[in-house]
Amino acid sequence: MDKTAIRNAATVIVLRDRKTDPHILMGQRGAKAAFMPNKFVFPGGAVDADDARIPLARPLPRVCRDRLAEQCTKDISHALAAAAVRELWEETGQILGQTGTWPVDPPDDWSDFADTGHVPTANALQFVFRAITPPGRPRRFDARFFLLDADALVSDLDDFSSAHDELSHLQWIPLKKAREFDLPFITEVVLAEVEGRLHDTAPPYSVPFFKNDDEESLFLRLKGRSPDARDE
């Protein structure tokens, strides 16, 4: 694998008790991790080749798919949504899906998820942020951040026993206390975006995009489709 290549990635911000006492699900990366060691992060990771062919019982909202397709050479919104579900499962043991039978044989990376008796769903994921890792880092990702209300999960919110140990100290952190933890800079920026969306449960019309490439760093907004596509 070319370690200098920018890999597509999906990150999930799970928000619990949104209207009363908001908490977010985070864990700590290992001290020997090549990327962001020791930092507290949201669950997430790189898109795998198999993610593009994973069946989604319910797709992403149309406006999210449209925004994900902007500033891209091809539409990988399906793969990103599947990667978000898979990474959430692998790193926390939480299930975003519905009871059902897979129409295809699941790839190896998905076999444990399929064994729970669920097919992944993406309709509750909301694309809210995008950022490319700046040059000079040991790993670079084009990360799409998805906001997810914890009520959409079908698993026990306090049971992390099925997690694959990629993150330690998994916990629900009060949103107002999250900045007391050792966070990556971009996570702090995303937290501000989440705080601004606590009272708006619909996908945003436009999405912030930190575009860091070898020539320049830009702050853009992905504008998506018109509001009439919001609920599709």
Protein backbone atom coordinates (compact mmCIF):
# COMPACT_ATOMS: atom_id res chain seq x y z
CA MET A 1 0.00 0.00 0.00
CA ASP A 2 1.25 3.47 -0.89
CA LYS A 3 1.44 5.20 2.50
CA THR A 4 1.65 8.61 0.83
CA ALA A 5 -1.66 8.17 -1.01
CA ILE A 6 -4.77 9.94 0.25
CA ARG A 7 -7.30 7.27 1.22
CA ASN A 8 -11.04 7.80 1.35
CA ALA A 9 -12.36 7.37 4.88
CA ALA A 10 -15.58 7.55 6.88
CA THR A 11 -15.97 8.73 10.46
CA VAL A 12 -19.10 8.48 12.62
CA ILE A 13 -20.11 10.97 15.31
CA VAL A 14 -22.72 9.19 17.41
CA LEU A 15 -24.82 11.62 19.43
CA ARG A 16 -26.77 10.36 22.45
CA ASP A 17 -29.45 12.18 24.45
CA ARG A 18 -29.30 14.99 21.95
CA LYS A 19 -32.08 17.12 23.40
CA THR A 20 -31.47 16.60 27.12
CA ASP A 21 -27.82 15.87 27.94
CA PRO A 22 -25.82 15.33 24.71
CA HIS A 23 -22.97 12.80 24.78
CA ILE A 24 -20.71 11.59 21.98
CA LEU A 25 -19.07 8.19 21.56
CA MET A 26 -15.26 8.31 21.48
CA GLY A 27 -12.26 6.08 22.14
CA GLN A 28 -8.51 6.41 22.41
CA ARG A 29 -6.05 5.35 19.73
CA GLY A 30 -3.06 3.25 20.77
CA ALA A 31 0.28 4.78 21.73
CA LYS A 32 2.00 2.96 18.84
CA ALA A 33 -0.56 3.93 16.18
CA ALA A 34 1.03 5.50 13.10
CA PHE A 35 -1.83 7.99 12.78
CA MET A 36 -2.82 10.21 15.72
CA PRO A 37 -1.37 8.07 18.55
CA ASN A 38 -2.97 8.46 21.99
CA LYS A 39 -5.64 10.83 20.66
CA PHE A 40 -9.32 10.48 21.51
CA VAL A 41 -11.26 10.12 18.27
CA PHE A 42 -14.60 9.20 16.80
CA PRO A 43 -14.89 5.69 15.35
CA GLY A 44 -13.90 5.57 11.70
CA GLY A 45 -11.39 4.42 9.13
CA ALA A 46 -10.51 3.89 5.50
CA VAL A 47 -12.92 2.62 2.86
CA ASP A 48 -12.26 -1.00 1.84
CA ALA A 49 -12.68 -2.30 -1.71
CA ASP A 50 -15.59 -4.53 -0.62
CA ASP A 51 -17.59 -1.63 0.84
CA ALA A 52 -18.85 -0.58 -2.60
CA ARG A 53 -20.79 -3.84 -3.03
CA ILE A 54 -22.29 -4.09 0.45
CA PRO A 55 -26.11 -4.13 0.40
CA LEU A 56 -27.72 -1.24 2.24
CA ALA A 57 -31.29 -1.94 3.30
CA ARG A 58 -31.88 1.80 3.38
CA PRO A 59 -29.64 4.26 1.47
CA LEU A 60 -28.25 7.60 2.50
CA PRO A 61 -30.58 10.61 2.19
CA ARG A 62 -30.49 11.98 -1.34
CA VAL A 63 -29.08 15.37 -0.35
CA CYS A 64 -26.19 13.65 1.47
CA ARG A 65 -25.40 11.52 -1.58
CA ASP A 66 -25.35 14.63 -3.76
CA ARG A 67 -22.98 16.50 -1.46
CA LEU A 68 -20.68 13.49 -1.15
CA ALA A 69 -20.40 13.40 -4.95
CA GLU A 70 -19.14 17.00 -5.11
CA GLN A 71 -15.40 17.61 -5.52
CA CYS A 72 -14.95 13.91 -6.40
CA THR A 73 -13.87 12.18 -9.59
CA LYS A 74 -16.55 9.53 -9.09
CA ASP A 75 -19.51 8.92 -6.81
CA ILE A 76 -18.41 6.74 -3.89
CA SER A 77 -21.23 7.70 -1.53
CA HIS A 78 -22.46 4.09 -1.21
CA ALA A 79 -18.98 2.83 -0.29
CA LEU A 80 -18.53 5.65 2.23
CA ALA A 81 -21.86 4.89 3.90
CA ALA A 82 -21.03 1.19 4.12
CA ALA A 83 -17.58 1.99 5.50
CA ALA A 84 -19.17 4.17 8.19
CA VAL A 85 -21.41 1.30 9.31
CA ARG A 86 -18.53 -1.21 9.23
CA GLU A 87 -16.07 0.98 11.12
CA LEU A 88 -18.67 1.79 13.75
CA TRP A 89 -19.27 -1.95 14.23
CA GLU A 90 -15.58 -2.89 14.25
CA GLU A 91 -14.44 -0.17 16.63
CA THR A 92 -17.41 -0.02 19.04
CA GLY A 93 -19.57 -3.13 18.49
CA GLN A 94 -22.58 -0.91 17.80
CA ILE A 95 -25.01 -1.98 15.08
CA LEU A 96 -26.57 0.36 12.54
CA GLY A 97 -28.91 -1.88 10.58
CA GLN A 98 -32.18 -3.72 10.48
CA THR A 99 -33.09 -7.36 10.96
CA GLY A 100 -32.83 -9.25 7.69
CA THR A 101 -31.02 -11.71 5.47
CA TRP A 102 -28.14 -10.64 3.26
CA PRO A 103 -28.89 -11.00 -0.48
CA VAL A 104 -25.19 -11.80 -1.11
CA ASP A 105 -22.48 -13.63 0.81
CA PRO A 106 -20.83 -11.08 3.10
CA PRO A 107 -17.10 -10.42 2.63
CA ASP A 108 -14.80 -11.53 5.45
CA ASP A 109 -14.68 -8.05 6.97
CA TRP A 110 -18.47 -8.09 7.24
CA SER A 111 -19.06 -11.67 8.39
CA ASP A 112 -19.29 -10.81 12.11
CA PHE A 113 -21.77 -8.02 11.38
CA ALA A 114 -23.90 -10.34 9.22
CA ASP A 115 -23.84 -12.98 11.96
CA THR A 116 -25.78 -10.58 14.19
CA GLY A 117 -28.75 -11.06 11.84
CA HIS A 118 -28.75 -7.50 10.55
CA VAL A 119 -28.36 -5.84 7.17
CA PRO A 120 -26.68 -2.40 7.29
CA THR A 121 -28.74 0.76 6.87
CA ALA A 122 -27.53 4.27 6.03
CA ASN A 123 -30.66 6.43 6.08
CA ALA A 124 -29.87 7.76 9.57
CA LEU A 125 -26.36 8.92 8.62
CA GLN A 126 -25.99 12.64 7.93
CA PHE A 127 -22.95 13.94 6.05
CA VAL A 128 -21.82 16.99 8.03
CA PHE A 129 -18.10 17.56 7.44
CA ARG A 130 -15.20 16.69 5.13
CA ALA A 131 -11.47 17.17 5.65
CA ILE A 132 -8.29 16.06 3.89
CA THR A 133 -5.28 15.41 6.11
CA PRO A 134 -2.59 18.07 5.44
CA PRO A 135 0.62 17.09 3.63
CA GLY A 136 3.53 15.80 5.68
CA ARG A 137 1.56 13.43 7.91
CA PRO A 138 2.45 9.69 8.09
CA ARG A 139 -1.06 8.83 6.82
CA ARG A 140 -3.40 10.99 4.79
CA PHE A 141 -7.17 10.58 4.51
CA ASP A 142 -10.02 12.26 2.70
CA ALA A 143 -12.39 11.86 5.64
CA ARG A 144 -16.13 12.31 5.50
CA PHE A 145 -17.80 12.79 8.87
CA PHE A 146 -21.30 11.45 9.45
CA LEU A 147 -23.54 12.52 12.33
CA LEU A 148 -25.73 9.75 13.73
CA ASP A 149 -28.40 9.93 16.40
CA ALA A 150 -27.85 7.06 18.84
CA ASP A 151 -31.58 6.27 18.74
CA ALA A 152 -30.99 4.77 15.28
CA LEU A 153 -28.72 2.04 16.67
CA VAL A 154 -30.28 -1.36 17.32
CA SER A 155 -27.65 -2.50 19.84
CA ASP A 156 -27.17 -1.89 23.57
CA LEU A 157 -25.61 1.57 23.71
CA ASP A 158 -23.46 0.62 26.71
CA ASP A 159 -22.22 -2.74 25.41
CA PHE A 160 -18.86 -2.52 23.64
CA SER A 161 -18.00 -6.21 24.06
CA SER A 162 -18.09 -6.88 20.29
CA ALA A 163 -15.55 -4.14 19.50
CA HIS A 164 -12.33 -5.28 17.81
CA ASP A 165 -10.05 -3.47 20.29
CA GLU A 166 -8.90 -0.84 17.78
CA LEU A 167 -9.89 1.85 20.28
CA SER A 168 -9.48 1.74 24.04
CA HIS A 169 -11.42 3.56 26.75
CA LEU A 170 -14.62 3.61 24.69
CA GLN A 171 -17.08 5.88 26.43
CA TRP A 172 -19.93 8.31 26.08
CA ILE A 173 -18.37 11.71 26.72
CA PRO A 174 -20.54 14.72 27.63
CA LEU A 175 -20.36 17.05 24.64
CA LYS A 176 -19.57 20.02 26.84
CA LYS A 177 -16.57 18.18 28.35
CA ALA A 178 -15.14 16.68 25.15
CA ARG A 179 -12.49 19.38 24.74
CA GLU A 180 -10.96 18.37 28.06
CA PHE A 181 -9.64 15.23 26.31
CA ASP A 182 -6.57 14.97 24.07
CA LEU A 183 -8.17 15.58 20.67
CA PRO A 184 -6.85 16.06 17.14
CA PHE A 185 -7.31 19.61 15.87
CA ILE A 186 -9.82 18.58 13.22
CA THR A 187 -11.93 16.80 15.86
CA GLU A 188 -12.25 20.05 17.77
CA VAL A 189 -13.41 21.78 14.60
CA VAL A 190 -15.98 19.07 13.94
CA LEU A 191 -17.24 19.30 17.52
CA ALA A 192 -18.10 22.95 16.94
CA GLU A 193 -20.14 21.90 13.91
CA VAL A 194 -21.97 19.26 15.98
CA GLU A 195 -22.74 21.75 18.74
CA GLY A 196 -24.32 24.02 16.16
CA ARG A 197 -26.58 21.23 14.93
CA LEU A 198 -28.05 20.01 18.22
CA HIS A 199 -31.46 21.53 17.51
CA ASP A 200 -31.59 20.70 13.79
CA THR A 201 -32.25 17.02 13.14
CA ALA A 202 -32.33 17.24 9.33
CA PRO A 203 -29.23 16.95 7.12
CA PRO A 204 -27.58 20.34 6.57
CA TYR A 205 -27.95 22.04 3.18
CA SER A 206 -24.21 22.67 2.89
CA VAL A 207 -21.16 20.95 4.38
CA PRO A 208 -17.78 22.45 5.42
CA PHE A 209 -14.79 21.04 3.52
CA PHE A 210 -11.16 21.54 4.60
CA LYS A 211 -9.32 20.82 1.36
CA ASN A 212 -5.62 20.41 2.04
CA ASP A 213 -3.57 19.45 -1.00
CA ASP A 214 0.07 19.88 -1.96
CA GLU A 215 -0.53 23.32 -3.49
CA GLU A 216 -2.83 25.08 -1.06
CA SER A 217 -5.30 24.77 1.79
CA LEU A 218 -8.86 25.88 1.18
CA PHE A 219 -12.03 26.10 3.23
CA LEU A 220 -14.97 25.32 0.96
CA ARG A 221 -18.63 24.46 1.34
CA LEU A 222 -20.31 21.60 -0.47
CA LYS A 223 -23.73 22.90 -1.37
CA GLY A 224 -25.65 19.78 -2.36
CA ARG A 225 -29.00 19.92 -4.10
CA SER A 226 -31.91 22.23 -3.61
CA PRO A 227 -33.99 21.91 -0.42
CA ASP A 228 -36.75 19.96 -2.23
CA ALA A 229 -34.37 16.98 -2.41
CA ARG A 230 -33.76 17.04 1.33
CA ASP A 231 -36.23 14.32 2.37
CA GLU A 232 -35.70 11.87 -0.51
